[in-house]
């Protein structure tokens, strides 16, 4: 399987990084790297995340940071859909 970041997820990651970088660029880099590292195992273990709150999705919590990576398995791809702060309201 391969890991594919959809545009919305890329945009989410950039927004998170930019917001943190305003206060602390080094912290922004650390958070971004942690988010990416939290899902690097998914091509080998696509079922590793818990069942998502939205149908046909799965979720991986980012250790030490209040973010959740939401993804789905589609064919041979693990598609990263979004990166959300855990305090944000989830879609139905």
Foldseek 3Di string as FASTA:
>chain_A
DEEAEDPQAVVQLVVQLVVVVVPPNVVSVVVSVQVCVQCPCCLVPVCPFDQDPDPQKGWTARPPAQKIFIWHDDPSYTYTDHIDRNVDDDDD
